[in-house]
Amino acid sequence: MLLVVGFALVIIVPILIAPVAGLPDDVYILISVVIFWLIVPWLYWSLTESSSKQGTPGKTAMGIIVTDTEGMRISFGRATNRYWAKAISGVILFSGFIMIAFTARKQGFHDFIAKCLVVAKK
């Protein structure tokens, strides 16, 4: 449902107002794509993982949280680093995610970069 609302607000609305504003449709489509596929997910993950819940609604439902290596809540900046480092984790056949199964503290490459852990909530 949230995805549908987000799509409507970020994709359809700019396309509808493009002729009124006088800019080419391509500009509005590009802006919409950047907002919907880059900015919205970054804010969602970074804000939820740095919030007092320390994770997304899915992580909360599973009883896990994101912490720094000392077990403390992560900052928005660290959550942002973790989010963008996930792109690196996925570059070579998702090896940065696969390594979670083989590291002592179950960290992915993005967790090493951001100095984070995903642990069970106490």
Protein backbone atom coordinates (compact mmCIF):
# COMPACT_ATOMS: atom_id res chain seq x y z
CA MET A 1 0.00 0.00 0.00
CA LEU A 2 2.78 2.40 0.96
CA LEU A 3 4.53 1.63 -2.31
CA VAL A 4 1.39 2.51 -4.27
CA VAL A 5 1.00 5.82 -2.43
CA GLY A 6 4.69 6.60 -2.88
CA PHE A 7 4.49 5.80 -6.58
CA ALA A 8 1.48 8.05 -7.00
CA LEU A 9 3.07 10.96 -5.19
CA VAL A 10 6.53 10.73 -6.68
CA ILE A 11 5.92 9.52 -10.23
CA ILE A 12 2.42 10.45 -11.33
CA VAL A 13 2.07 13.90 -9.74
CA PRO A 14 5.25 15.36 -11.33
CA ILE A 15 4.25 13.96 -14.71
CA LEU A 16 0.84 15.62 -14.43
CA ILE A 17 2.25 19.01 -13.45
CA ALA A 18 5.11 18.96 -16.00
CA PRO A 19 3.15 20.75 -18.74
CA VAL A 20 1.98 23.45 -16.32
CA ALA A 21 5.51 24.22 -15.11
CA GLY A 22 6.89 24.49 -18.64
CA LEU A 23 9.82 22.10 -18.26
CA PRO A 24 10.31 19.12 -20.56
CA ASP A 25 8.63 15.89 -19.46
CA ASP A 26 12.01 14.15 -19.38
CA VAL A 27 13.20 16.38 -16.53
CA TYR A 28 10.21 15.54 -14.37
CA ILE A 29 10.49 11.86 -15.12
CA LEU A 30 14.19 11.89 -14.20
CA ILE A 31 13.51 13.79 -10.97
CA SER A 32 10.72 11.35 -10.12
CA VAL A 33 12.91 8.33 -10.71
CA VAL A 34 15.75 9.76 -8.62
CA ILE A 35 13.40 10.58 -5.76
CA PHE A 36 11.51 7.30 -5.85
CA TRP A 37 14.41 4.90 -6.39
CA LEU A 38 17.29 6.65 -4.59
CA ILE A 39 16.15 9.18 -2.03
CA VAL A 40 13.03 7.49 -0.62
CA PRO A 41 14.70 4.11 0.06
CA TRP A 42 17.80 5.77 1.53
CA LEU A 43 15.67 7.85 3.91
CA TYR A 44 13.47 4.87 4.82
CA TRP A 45 16.37 2.58 5.74
CA SER A 46 18.54 5.23 7.36
CA LEU A 47 15.75 6.78 9.42
CA THR A 48 14.32 3.47 10.62
CA GLU A 49 17.68 1.92 11.49
CA SER A 50 18.82 5.02 13.39
CA SER A 51 15.46 5.44 15.16
CA SER A 52 14.68 4.34 18.71
CA LYS A 53 13.33 1.05 17.24
CA GLN A 54 16.78 0.45 15.69
CA GLY A 55 15.39 -1.23 12.62
CA THR A 56 12.73 -1.48 9.98
CA PRO A 57 9.27 -2.79 10.85
CA GLY A 58 10.39 -6.17 9.49
CA LYS A 59 13.44 -6.28 11.75
CA THR A 60 11.27 -5.24 14.69
CA ALA A 61 8.81 -8.04 13.92
CA MET A 62 11.70 -10.52 13.79
CA GLY A 63 13.09 -9.27 17.10
CA ILE A 64 16.38 -8.02 15.68
CA ILE A 65 18.01 -4.59 15.81
CA VAL A 66 20.90 -2.75 14.19
CA THR A 67 23.62 -1.58 16.57
CA ASP A 68 27.17 -0.33 16.37
CA THR A 69 29.95 -2.73 17.34
CA GLU A 70 29.56 -1.64 20.98
CA GLY A 71 25.85 -2.47 21.05
CA MET A 72 24.66 1.14 20.96
CA ARG A 73 22.08 2.72 18.66
CA ILE A 74 23.58 3.88 15.37
CA SER A 75 23.49 7.47 14.17
CA PHE A 76 21.76 8.61 11.00
CA GLY A 77 25.21 9.08 9.42
CA ARG A 78 26.25 5.53 10.23
CA ALA A 79 22.90 4.21 8.98
CA THR A 80 23.46 6.18 5.77
CA ASN A 81 26.93 4.65 5.36
CA ARG A 82 25.46 1.19 5.94
CA TYR A 83 22.71 1.80 3.38
CA TRP A 84 25.03 2.97 0.58
CA ALA A 85 27.59 0.26 1.39
CA LYS A 86 24.90 -2.33 0.59
CA ALA A 87 25.38 -1.37 -3.06
CA ILE A 88 29.00 -2.50 -2.76
CA SER A 89 27.88 -5.70 -1.01
CA GLY A 90 25.78 -6.59 -4.01
CA VAL A 91 28.23 -5.70 -6.77
CA ILE A 92 30.09 -9.01 -7.14
CA LEU A 93 27.37 -11.68 -7.13
CA PHE A 94 26.06 -10.50 -3.76
CA SER A 95 29.24 -11.76 -2.10
CA GLY A 96 29.01 -8.99 0.52
CA PHE A 97 25.71 -10.49 1.67
CA ILE A 98 26.80 -14.13 1.32
CA MET A 99 29.73 -13.50 3.65
CA ILE A 100 27.22 -13.02 6.50
CA ALA A 101 26.99 -16.81 6.73
CA PHE A 102 30.74 -17.16 7.20
CA THR A 103 31.77 -14.37 9.59
CA ALA A 104 31.94 -14.82 13.36
CA ARG A 105 29.61 -11.91 14.12
CA LYS A 106 27.38 -12.52 11.07
CA GLN A 107 28.38 -9.24 9.41
CA GLY A 108 28.01 -8.41 5.75
CA PHE A 109 30.52 -6.26 3.92
CA HIS A 110 28.26 -3.24 4.46
CA ASP A 111 28.28 -3.94 8.22
CA PHE A 112 32.09 -4.02 8.25
CA ILE A 113 32.23 -0.70 6.42
CA ALA A 114 29.71 0.97 8.75
CA LYS A 115 30.96 -0.84 11.87
CA CYS A 116 27.49 -2.25 12.60
CA LEU A 117 25.91 -5.46 13.84
CA VAL A 118 22.44 -6.92 13.44
CA VAL A 119 21.64 -8.68 16.71
CA ALA A 120 18.69 -10.18 18.57
CA LYS A 121 16.88 -7.63 20.70
CA LYS A 122 17.40 -8.19 24.42
